[in-house]
Structures are given as structure tokens and as C-alpha cells.
């Protein structure tokens, strides 16, 4: 307790030597903290969409790739992400919505990044998904968010055991879909 009191006295002496009292110092500190805090908010919780948007229709994405049903997984994941992270009501029918999200998956690519030295098999894959995404005001048709080159990249570890490799495919696509949806919803909410 005595050490703490000594430290406080040393700080007070330094402040006085600098021409500041502890009250003035605290006032300046509060002003700086208030000024620096203005305009910041938690990522993914932004309000870049107009206040009149309360309902969003997420239309089933189009698939322009050879990956079977990837658009279904991505659409479902985006709906779940909107429901989990936002206050918006999500519907499938465009006529019931204030805004409409259309998406088109243009490519899905995978490439090996790391290999097992003993077997030569890939242990880490890089998955790249490209898509067009457009959120429009249903009444005016005005785009609220548009990105014709939305890019999602993520690395995923895979098993070197052949038996479990095929069992991992569905869970891996689910992880990819969740991560993709989190990225897309954040981009829409923050309007990047």
C-alpha cells in the first residue's frame, strides 16, 4: 500500500513539474478519449443500410460453376448469418421485402498450399470463391450494395487419411459456407 502511495506522489510531482495538476490531466485525458472514440463501431454491426430497410429477401444464388449445389449451401449460410448477426427479417419472397439480395457464384477454385513431406499428399488447401452480389432497394431499384468481384479466400486443413478425406467433404463445405457468409454479410453491413 505504501509503494502505491509513493508511486502516486511521484506521478503527481511529474504532472506538477510539467505544469499540470491531476485534475487538468484527467480532463485532457477524457477529452482525448472522447474525441478518439467518435465514429467507431464494432465491425459487422454497422448501419450502412437505410433505416427504412427492415426486411431483406435473399434470393437463391445462381451457380455459374461446375460445383454441384454450391449456390444452395452459400445461400443458406448467408440467410443464417443475417439472422444471427442482424435485426433484419429475412424472407424468400421479393414482394415482402424492403431490399433484395441477388448473388451469382462465378467461380470456385481449390489449390494445394501445403503437402505432407512423407506422403506427398496435400494437407492444406486454399479455396477461392468469386461471386457477384447486389443488394437493391425493392421499390426504387437503387443499389444499396454492389460488388461484381466479391472475393473470398480461406485456407483449410485436410486429412491425409484417404478414408476420412471423403467423410470430411460435407463438413468442409459447411465451414467454407459459414466463413463465406460471414465475410459477405460483413461487407454488406459495412458497405465495403
Protein backbone atom coordinates (compact mmCIF):
# COMPACT_ATOMS: atom_id res chain seq x y z
CA UNK A 1 0.00 0.00 0.00
CA UNK A 2 2.89 2.30 0.82
CA UNK A 3 4.51 1.62 -2.59
CA UNK A 4 1.28 2.57 -4.33
CA UNK A 5 1.08 5.86 -2.41
CA UNK A 6 4.73 6.62 -3.30
CA UNK A 7 4.04 5.97 -7.00
CA UNK A 8 1.01 8.28 -6.90
CA UNK A 9 3.10 11.03 -5.31
CA UNK A 10 5.82 10.57 -7.98
CA UNK A 11 3.23 10.87 -10.76
CA UNK A 12 1.72 13.96 -9.12
CA UNK A 13 5.22 15.53 -8.89
CA UNK A 14 5.84 14.86 -12.60
CA UNK A 15 2.49 16.40 -13.53
CA UNK A 16 3.16 19.50 -11.43
CA UNK A 17 6.65 19.80 -12.94
CA UNK A 18 5.02 19.65 -16.37
CA UNK A 19 2.60 22.41 -15.31
CA UNK A 20 -0.42 20.11 -14.91
CA UNK A 21 -2.48 19.15 -11.92
CA UNK A 22 -4.03 15.71 -11.78
CA UNK A 23 -7.49 17.26 -12.36
CA UNK A 24 -6.33 19.05 -15.53
CA UNK A 25 -4.55 15.90 -16.68
CA UNK A 26 -7.71 13.80 -16.20
CA UNK A 27 -9.80 16.40 -18.04
CA UNK A 28 -7.42 16.35 -21.01
CA UNK A 29 -7.38 12.56 -20.98
CA UNK A 30 -11.21 12.42 -21.00
CA UNK A 31 -11.39 14.88 -23.90
CA UNK A 32 -8.85 12.86 -25.91
CA UNK A 33 -10.65 9.59 -25.27
CA UNK A 34 -14.00 11.14 -26.27
CA UNK A 35 -12.55 12.63 -29.45
CA UNK A 36 -10.80 9.43 -30.47
CA UNK A 37 -13.90 7.31 -29.85
CA UNK A 38 -16.16 9.25 -32.21
CA UNK A 39 -17.24 7.41 -35.33
CA UNK A 40 -16.03 3.97 -34.39
CA UNK A 41 -18.20 0.91 -34.08
CA UNK A 42 -17.88 -2.85 -33.94
CA UNK A 43 -17.26 -4.43 -37.34
CA UNK A 44 -20.25 -6.32 -38.73
CA UNK A 45 -22.75 -4.35 -36.66
CA UNK A 46 -22.76 -1.24 -38.80
CA UNK A 47 -25.78 0.61 -40.02
CA UNK A 48 -24.84 1.43 -43.58
CA UNK A 49 -28.24 0.28 -44.85
CA UNK A 50 -31.07 2.83 -44.80
CA UNK A 51 -33.29 2.84 -41.72
CA UNK A 52 -36.37 2.00 -43.78
CA UNK A 53 -34.87 -1.40 -44.63
CA UNK A 54 -36.34 -3.85 -42.15
CA UNK A 55 -36.85 -6.91 -44.33
CA UNK A 56 -34.36 -8.43 -46.77
CA UNK A 57 -35.21 -11.05 -49.37
CA UNK A 58 -32.31 -13.39 -50.06
CA UNK A 59 -32.96 -14.87 -53.47
CA UNK A 60 -31.35 -18.25 -54.20
CA UNK A 61 -27.93 -17.56 -55.68
CA UNK A 62 -27.16 -18.57 -59.25
CA UNK A 63 -24.41 -21.10 -59.87
CA UNK A 64 -22.19 -20.41 -62.88
CA UNK A 65 -19.65 -23.06 -61.81
CA UNK A 66 -19.39 -26.80 -62.20
CA UNK A 67 -19.61 -27.33 -58.40
CA UNK A 68 -22.86 -29.13 -57.72
CA UNK A 69 -25.22 -27.28 -55.31
CA UNK A 70 -22.57 -24.85 -54.00
CA UNK A 71 -25.03 -21.99 -54.51
CA UNK A 72 -27.55 -23.68 -52.20
CA UNK A 73 -25.03 -24.01 -49.38
CA UNK A 74 -23.88 -20.42 -49.78
CA UNK A 75 -27.43 -19.03 -49.91
CA UNK A 76 -28.44 -20.94 -46.78
CA UNK A 77 -25.33 -19.80 -44.95
CA UNK A 78 -25.94 -16.14 -45.86
CA UNK A 79 -29.52 -16.38 -44.58
CA UNK A 80 -28.30 -17.92 -41.30
CA UNK A 81 -25.62 -15.23 -40.94
CA UNK A 82 -28.11 -12.39 -41.47
CA UNK A 83 -30.45 -13.95 -38.91
CA UNK A 84 -27.67 -14.44 -36.37
CA UNK A 85 -25.98 -11.05 -36.70
CA UNK A 86 -28.64 -8.53 -37.63
CA UNK A 87 -32.05 -7.27 -36.69
CA UNK A 88 -33.39 -7.67 -40.25
CA UNK A 89 -36.22 -10.05 -41.05
CA UNK A 90 -35.13 -12.41 -43.82
CA UNK A 91 -37.65 -13.70 -46.36
CA UNK A 92 -37.54 -15.61 -49.63
CA UNK A 93 -40.29 -13.66 -51.40
CA UNK A 94 -39.09 -10.42 -53.01
CA UNK A 95 -42.59 -8.88 -52.81
CA UNK A 96 -42.47 -8.99 -48.99
CA UNK A 97 -39.07 -7.29 -48.65
CA UNK A 98 -37.70 -3.76 -48.44
CA UNK A 99 -34.41 -4.86 -50.04
CA UNK A 100 -33.44 -7.80 -52.23
CA UNK A 101 -30.09 -9.63 -52.31
CA UNK A 102 -29.13 -11.37 -55.55
CA UNK A 103 -25.95 -13.38 -55.90
CA UNK A 104 -24.19 -15.25 -58.65
CA UNK A 105 -21.32 -17.63 -57.85
CA UNK A 106 -18.93 -17.15 -60.77
CA UNK A 107 -16.08 -19.44 -59.73
CA UNK A 108 -14.89 -21.80 -57.02
CA UNK A 109 -11.24 -22.82 -57.14
CA UNK A 110 -9.16 -25.02 -54.87
CA UNK A 111 -5.42 -25.37 -54.84
CA UNK A 112 -2.99 -27.21 -52.61
CA UNK A 113 -0.88 -24.98 -50.39
CA UNK A 114 0.93 -27.40 -48.06
CA UNK A 115 1.94 -31.00 -48.56
CA UNK A 116 2.86 -33.85 -46.22
CA UNK A 117 6.58 -34.43 -46.74
CA UNK A 118 6.38 -38.18 -46.25
CA UNK A 119 3.36 -38.96 -48.44
CA UNK A 120 3.34 -36.03 -50.85
CA UNK A 121 -0.40 -35.51 -50.26
CA UNK A 122 -1.91 -32.10 -49.75
CA UNK A 123 -2.60 -31.15 -46.12
CA UNK A 124 -3.82 -27.58 -46.62
CA UNK A 125 -5.98 -26.28 -49.44
CA UNK A 126 -6.72 -22.72 -50.47
CA UNK A 127 -10.34 -22.24 -51.51
CA UNK A 128 -11.25 -19.17 -53.56
CA UNK A 129 -14.87 -18.22 -54.23
CA UNK A 130 -15.78 -15.38 -56.58
CA UNK A 131 -19.27 -14.02 -56.93
CA UNK A 132 -21.41 -11.09 -57.92
CA UNK A 133 -23.55 -9.69 -55.12
CA UNK A 134 -26.14 -6.96 -55.35
CA UNK A 135 -28.50 -5.69 -52.66
CA UNK A 136 -31.12 -3.32 -54.06
CA UNK A 137 -33.98 -1.30 -52.69
CA UNK A 138 -37.04 -3.22 -53.90
CA UNK A 139 -39.17 -0.14 -54.59
CA UNK A 140 -36.67 2.19 -56.24
CA UNK A 141 -34.29 -0.43 -57.63
CA UNK A 142 -31.40 1.65 -56.27
CA UNK A 143 -28.35 -0.46 -55.35
CA UNK A 144 -27.60 -0.43 -51.62
CA UNK A 145 -24.56 -2.67 -52.05
CA UNK A 146 -22.96 -3.98 -55.21
CA UNK A 147 -19.78 -5.93 -55.80
CA UNK A 148 -19.29 -7.70 -59.12
CA UNK A 149 -15.95 -9.11 -57.99
CA UNK A 150 -16.59 -10.25 -54.43
CA UNK A 151 -13.67 -12.47 -53.49
CA UNK A 152 -13.44 -14.90 -50.59
CA UNK A 153 -10.26 -16.84 -49.85
CA UNK A 154 -9.60 -19.18 -46.97
CA UNK A 155 -7.17 -21.99 -46.19
CA UNK A 156 -8.49 -25.29 -44.85
CA UNK A 157 -6.58 -28.25 -43.46
CA UNK A 158 -7.50 -31.64 -44.85
CA UNK A 159 -6.81 -35.13 -43.67
CA UNK A 160 -4.12 -37.25 -45.29
CA UNK A 161 -6.11 -40.37 -44.39
CA UNK A 162 -7.99 -41.40 -47.54
CA UNK A 163 -10.90 -42.99 -45.64
CA UNK A 164 -11.64 -39.84 -43.64
CA UNK A 165 -10.89 -37.50 -46.57
CA UNK A 166 -14.23 -38.21 -48.25
CA UNK A 167 -16.08 -38.04 -44.93
CA UNK A 168 -14.70 -34.52 -44.43
CA UNK A 169 -16.05 -33.10 -47.69
CA UNK A 170 -19.51 -32.08 -46.41
CA UNK A 171 -18.27 -30.60 -43.11
CA UNK A 172 -15.56 -28.75 -45.05
CA UNK A 173 -18.13 -27.24 -47.42
CA UNK A 174 -20.24 -26.24 -44.42
CA UNK A 175 -17.25 -24.46 -42.82
CA UNK A 176 -16.49 -22.78 -46.13
CA UNK A 177 -20.12 -21.65 -46.47
CA UNK A 178 -20.21 -20.23 -42.92
CA UNK A 179 -16.93 -18.35 -43.38
CA UNK A 180 -18.02 -17.06 -46.79
CA UNK A 181 -21.38 -15.88 -45.40
CA UNK A 182 -19.71 -14.05 -42.51
CA UNK A 183 -17.45 -12.25 -44.98
CA UNK A 184 -20.27 -11.30 -47.38
CA UNK A 185 -22.66 -10.11 -44.65
CA UNK A 186 -19.89 -8.00 -43.09
CA UNK A 187 -19.17 -6.44 -46.48
CA UNK A 188 -22.85 -5.62 -46.99
CA UNK A 189 -23.33 -4.20 -43.50
CA UNK A 190 -20.18 -2.12 -43.66
CA UNK A 191 -20.69 -1.33 -47.38
CA UNK A 192 -17.10 -2.15 -48.38
